[in-house]
Protein backbone atom coordinates (compact mmCIF):
# COMPACT_ATOMS: atom_id res chain seq x y z
CA MET A 1 -29.65 -46.81 -29.58
CA GLN A 2 -27.80 -43.61 -30.91
CA ILE A 3 -30.46 -41.41 -29.05
CA GLY A 4 -29.42 -43.69 -25.78
CA ARG A 5 -25.95 -43.16 -25.71
CA ASP A 6 -25.69 -39.44 -26.69
CA GLU A 7 -28.07 -38.49 -23.69
CA ARG A 8 -25.56 -40.57 -20.99
CA ARG A 9 -22.97 -38.43 -23.01
CA LEU A 10 -25.00 -35.41 -22.33
CA ASN A 11 -25.69 -36.11 -18.99
CA ARG A 12 -22.10 -37.44 -18.30
CA MET A 13 -21.38 -34.14 -19.38
CA THR A 14 -23.72 -31.78 -17.92
CA LEU A 15 -22.47 -33.83 -14.03
CA ILE A 16 -18.93 -32.90 -15.23
CA ILE A 17 -19.93 -29.19 -15.04
CA PHE A 18 -21.79 -29.12 -12.11
CA CYS A 19 -18.79 -31.03 -10.11
CA VAL A 20 -16.30 -28.71 -11.71
CA PHE A 21 -18.77 -25.26 -10.88
CA ALA A 22 -19.61 -26.90 -7.26
CA GLY A 23 -15.72 -27.50 -6.84
CA LEU A 24 -15.19 -23.41 -7.55
CA LEU A 25 -17.62 -22.14 -5.25
CA LEU A 26 -16.51 -24.41 -2.84
CA PHE A 27 -12.70 -23.32 -3.02
CA ALA A 28 -14.12 -19.65 -3.19
CA ALA A 29 -15.76 -20.04 0.22
CA PHE A 30 -12.50 -21.35 1.32
CA GLU A 31 -10.67 -18.76 0.21
CA TYR A 32 -12.91 -16.06 1.28
CA ALA A 33 -12.99 -17.79 4.87
CA TRP A 34 -9.61 -18.08 5.25
CA VAL A 35 -8.82 -14.55 4.49
CA LYS A 36 -11.77 -13.17 6.53
CA TRP A 37 -11.46 -15.41 9.68
CA SER A 38 -7.66 -15.81 9.66
CA GLY A 39 -5.53 -14.17 12.55
CA THR A 40 -6.58 -11.21 14.85
CA PRO A 41 -7.44 -7.71 13.68
CA VAL A 42 -4.98 -5.09 15.46
CA PRO A 43 -6.80 -1.21 16.21
CA GLU A 44 -5.91 1.87 13.63
CA PRO A 45 -3.31 3.26 16.03
CA ASP A 46 -3.95 6.96 17.24
CA THR A 47 -2.32 9.29 14.86
CA PRO A 48 -2.44 12.70 15.94
CA ARG A 49 -3.82 14.75 13.34
CA THR A 50 -2.50 18.36 14.19
CA LEU A 51 0.64 20.02 12.55
CA GLN A 52 3.25 19.46 14.57
CA THR A 53 6.89 21.17 14.69
CA ILE A 54 9.80 19.60 15.85
CA GLY A 55 13.82 19.97 15.22
CA THR A 56 15.82 23.06 14.55
CA GLY A 57 17.11 24.87 11.69
CA PRO A 58 15.67 25.92 8.24
CA GLU A 59 11.65 25.66 8.27
CA ARG A 60 10.71 22.51 6.14
CA THR A 61 6.43 21.68 6.03
CA TYR A 62 6.05 17.82 5.38
CA VAL A 63 3.24 16.03 4.54
CA VAL A 64 2.92 12.56 4.70
CA MET A 65 -0.67 10.84 2.87
CA GLY A 66 -1.33 7.33 2.30
CA ASP A 67 -2.99 4.13 3.73
CA SER A 68 -2.94 2.52 6.95
CA THR A 69 0.97 1.16 6.29
CA ALA A 70 1.27 5.24 6.88
CA VAL A 71 0.11 5.37 10.30
CA SER A 72 1.73 2.29 11.28
CA GLN A 73 -1.70 0.19 12.06
CA GLY A 74 -0.31 -3.23 13.30
CA GLY A 75 2.74 -1.46 15.10
CA GLU A 76 3.47 1.82 17.27
CA TYR A 77 3.13 4.66 15.29
CA LYS A 78 6.33 6.65 17.26
CA GLN A 79 8.50 3.68 15.65
CA GLY A 80 6.56 4.08 11.84
CA TYR A 81 8.01 5.58 8.78
CA ALA A 82 5.50 8.51 8.72
CA VAL A 83 6.85 9.76 12.50
CA GLN A 84 10.64 8.14 11.93
CA THR A 85 11.10 9.98 8.66
CA ALA A 86 9.98 13.08 10.48
CA GLU A 87 12.42 12.98 13.18
CA HIS A 88 15.03 12.59 10.24
CA GLN A 89 14.62 15.36 8.31
CA ALA A 90 14.46 16.87 11.89
CA LYS A 91 18.01 16.71 12.56
CA ASN A 92 18.54 19.54 10.30
CA TYR A 93 15.91 21.71 9.50
CA THR A 94 12.56 22.61 11.73
CA VAL A 95 10.07 20.06 9.99
CA ARG A 96 6.55 21.39 10.88
CA TRP A 97 4.20 18.18 9.63
CA LYS A 98 1.21 16.18 9.60
CA ASN A 99 -0.08 13.08 8.78
CA VAL A 100 -2.87 13.28 6.78
CA ALA A 101 -3.29 9.14 5.46
CA VAL A 102 -6.19 7.09 6.68
CA ALA A 103 -6.43 3.37 7.10
CA GLY A 104 -7.55 1.34 3.45
CA ALA A 105 -6.89 4.19 1.31
CA ARG A 106 -6.26 3.77 -2.50
CA ALA A 107 -4.62 5.92 -4.61
CA ALA A 108 -7.97 7.25 -5.67
CA ASP A 109 -9.04 8.77 -2.05
CA VAL A 110 -5.46 10.04 -1.37
CA ASP A 111 -6.19 12.48 -4.58
CA THR A 112 -9.86 12.93 -3.51
CA LYS A 113 -9.60 12.98 0.04
CA GLN A 114 -6.35 13.65 1.29
CA LEU A 115 -4.99 16.15 -1.37
CA PRO A 116 -7.14 19.28 -0.54
CA GLU A 117 -5.64 18.97 3.41
CA ALA A 118 -2.04 18.91 1.70
CA VAL A 119 -2.10 21.52 -0.73
CA GLU A 120 -3.43 23.85 2.44
CA LEU A 121 0.24 23.38 3.73
CA MET A 122 2.29 24.25 0.44
CA PRO A 123 4.56 21.53 1.49
CA ASP A 124 8.00 20.91 0.81
CA VAL A 125 8.38 17.30 0.72
CA VAL A 126 5.35 14.89 0.48
CA LEU A 127 6.10 11.01 1.12
CA ILE A 128 2.84 9.35 -0.54
CA GLY A 129 2.28 5.71 0.87
CA VAL A 130 0.06 3.79 -1.18
CA GLY A 131 -0.64 0.89 -3.77
CA ALA A 132 -1.46 -1.97 -1.05
CA ASN A 133 -5.37 -1.41 -1.63
CA ASP A 134 -5.33 -1.15 -5.00
CA VAL A 135 -3.48 -4.57 -5.33
CA THR A 136 -6.20 -5.66 -3.30
CA HIS A 137 -8.45 -4.52 -4.79
CA LEU A 138 -7.80 -5.09 -8.52
CA THR A 139 -7.98 -1.47 -9.00
CA ASN A 140 -7.13 -0.71 -12.93
CA ILE A 141 -3.37 0.03 -12.84
CA GLU A 142 -4.17 3.33 -15.31
CA SER A 143 -6.73 4.68 -12.64
CA VAL A 144 -3.68 4.19 -10.22
CA LYS A 145 -1.65 6.13 -12.66
CA GLN A 146 -4.47 8.77 -13.37
CA SER A 147 -4.49 9.69 -9.93
CA LEU A 148 -1.14 10.00 -8.72
CA THR A 149 -0.32 11.76 -11.88
CA HIS A 150 -2.86 14.70 -10.61
CA THR A 151 -1.64 14.40 -7.24
CA ILE A 152 1.61 15.54 -8.22
CA GLN A 153 0.37 17.95 -10.33
CA GLU A 154 -1.77 19.45 -7.77
CA LEU A 155 0.91 19.11 -4.81
CA ARG A 156 3.18 21.13 -7.35
CA ASN A 157 0.63 23.87 -8.12
CA ALA A 158 0.61 24.34 -4.45
CA ASN A 159 4.82 24.56 -4.36
CA SER A 160 6.38 24.43 -7.34
CA ASN A 161 9.73 22.88 -5.66
CA VAL A 162 7.97 20.58 -3.57
CA GLU A 163 9.94 17.37 -3.35
CA ILE A 164 7.87 14.11 -3.02
CA ILE A 165 7.99 10.68 -2.26
CA LEU A 166 6.59 7.91 -4.00
CA THR A 167 6.92 4.33 -1.96
CA GLY A 168 4.49 1.89 -3.87
CA SER A 169 3.20 -1.16 -3.14
CA PRO A 170 4.82 -3.12 -0.51
CA ASP A 171 4.49 -6.68 -1.45
CA MET A 172 1.51 -7.94 -0.89
CA GLY A 173 2.53 -11.56 -2.18
CA SER A 174 4.62 -11.95 0.74
CA VAL A 175 1.07 -11.65 3.07
CA PRO A 176 0.13 -14.44 5.36
CA ARG A 177 -3.23 -13.94 5.19
CA LEU A 178 -3.52 -14.65 1.47
CA PRO A 179 -3.90 -17.85 0.82
CA GLN A 180 -2.61 -19.19 -2.60
CA PRO A 181 -3.20 -18.78 -5.40
CA LEU A 182 -4.69 -15.54 -3.98
CA ARG A 183 -1.01 -14.59 -2.65
CA TRP A 184 0.85 -15.47 -6.04
CA VAL A 185 -1.95 -13.24 -7.71
CA ALA A 186 -1.21 -10.01 -5.68
CA GLY A 187 2.52 -10.84 -5.66
CA ASN A 188 2.26 -9.97 -9.54
CA ARG A 189 -0.21 -7.66 -9.23
CA THR A 190 2.33 -5.52 -6.88
CA LYS A 191 4.68 -6.47 -9.76
CA ASN A 192 2.44 -4.61 -12.06
CA ILE A 193 1.52 -1.65 -10.07
CA ASN A 194 5.13 -0.87 -8.98
CA LYS A 195 6.10 -1.35 -12.75
CA MET A 196 4.12 1.20 -13.26
CA ILE A 197 5.23 3.69 -10.52
CA VAL A 198 8.71 3.61 -11.82
CA SER A 199 7.69 4.68 -14.78
CA LEU A 200 6.00 7.51 -13.34
CA ALA A 201 8.05 8.59 -11.18
CA LYS A 202 11.03 9.11 -14.11
CA GLU A 203 8.04 10.51 -16.09
CA GLN A 204 7.05 12.97 -13.07
CA GLU A 205 10.38 13.52 -11.97
CA VAL A 206 9.25 12.22 -7.94
CA ARG A 207 11.84 10.28 -5.65
CA LEU A 208 10.85 6.44 -5.28
CA ALA A 209 10.84 4.69 -1.93
CA PRO A 210 10.98 0.99 -3.36
CA ILE A 211 10.31 -0.72 -0.51
CA ALA A 212 8.71 -4.01 -2.20
CA GLU A 213 11.96 -4.64 -4.22
CA ARG A 214 14.17 -3.68 -1.13
CA THR A 215 12.22 -5.62 1.60
CA GLY A 216 9.74 -8.05 -0.09
CA LYS A 217 12.04 -10.76 -0.01
CA LEU A 218 12.74 -10.08 3.99
CA PHE A 219 9.06 -10.41 4.31
CA ARG A 220 8.90 -13.48 2.44
CA GLU A 221 11.01 -15.41 4.67
CA HIS A 222 10.51 -14.07 8.08
CA PRO A 223 6.38 -13.84 8.51
CA GLU A 224 7.41 -12.77 12.18
CA LEU A 225 7.56 -9.51 10.41
CA PHE A 226 3.55 -9.53 10.26
CA ALA A 227 1.10 -8.20 13.48
CA SER A 228 -1.13 -10.41 14.57
CA ASP A 229 -3.81 -9.94 12.00
CA LYS A 230 -1.29 -11.42 9.37
CA PHE A 231 -1.74 -8.69 7.11
CA HIS A 232 0.21 -4.89 7.85
CA PRO A 233 3.88 -5.48 9.13
CA ASN A 234 4.14 -4.94 13.03
CA THR A 235 7.07 -2.53 14.52
CA GLU A 236 9.59 -4.63 13.81
CA GLY A 237 8.63 -5.12 9.90
CA TYR A 238 7.68 -1.28 9.94
CA LYS A 239 11.46 -1.08 10.93
CA THR A 240 12.42 -2.82 7.88
CA TRP A 241 11.19 0.26 5.30
CA THR A 242 12.35 2.99 7.14
CA PRO A 243 15.70 3.51 5.69
CA VAL A 244 14.67 2.98 2.06
CA ILE A 245 11.86 5.54 2.62
CA ILE A 246 15.07 7.89 4.19
CA GLU A 247 17.50 7.31 1.23
CA ALA A 248 14.93 8.68 -0.80
CA LEU A 249 14.10 12.03 1.07
CA PRO A 250 15.89 15.29 0.46
CA GLN A 251 18.67 16.27 2.10
């Protein structure tokens, strides 16, 4: 009798474990399908890759590094923060500038693939708009720090007086394409990575343009600031970041 009861109990436990495991698989499949198929893909804008010269006044060399946000994917390139920050500086300087950012880049990609092109120009000002893909790809935060630290050091080796601006990650907890609880996880990952970047900016004495801190609430309350892919900002969304970055630029 005891053996029979033990067998039934074991069978019930096995069934419960199976049902929980199957439920988790179904939930994971739903989350994956939501992320993959939600929204309509947006193309990467046609980004000029040649060195451009605009404005009048003392010469200043400006380089933009980073991910898809730095090429304004989801919005109009000319209204994105790369062009707008270059044009802002051109009010007082002859700005020689180049955008070397690539969609999908993480901090390690900026360091290994974009840095060589940047240091060749010995820039006076560098904007690094990276962090979002490190949030979504669960990159180890210490690895992000090491990549950014090396990038900063190499830029300073090219020009000891270079001014560097870090944006950190935008608030990935506001992205409509990510269902809960992934959105919650992304929001917490954003906070953790940006906490490190704030500390790194102080440690390395570089400038900070805290786009998540300043605009995250706005994006959470206004999903219309996202493009049709429900992941990237649209033109109006990018416009909310531009003033934050301009404030961080050297005069």
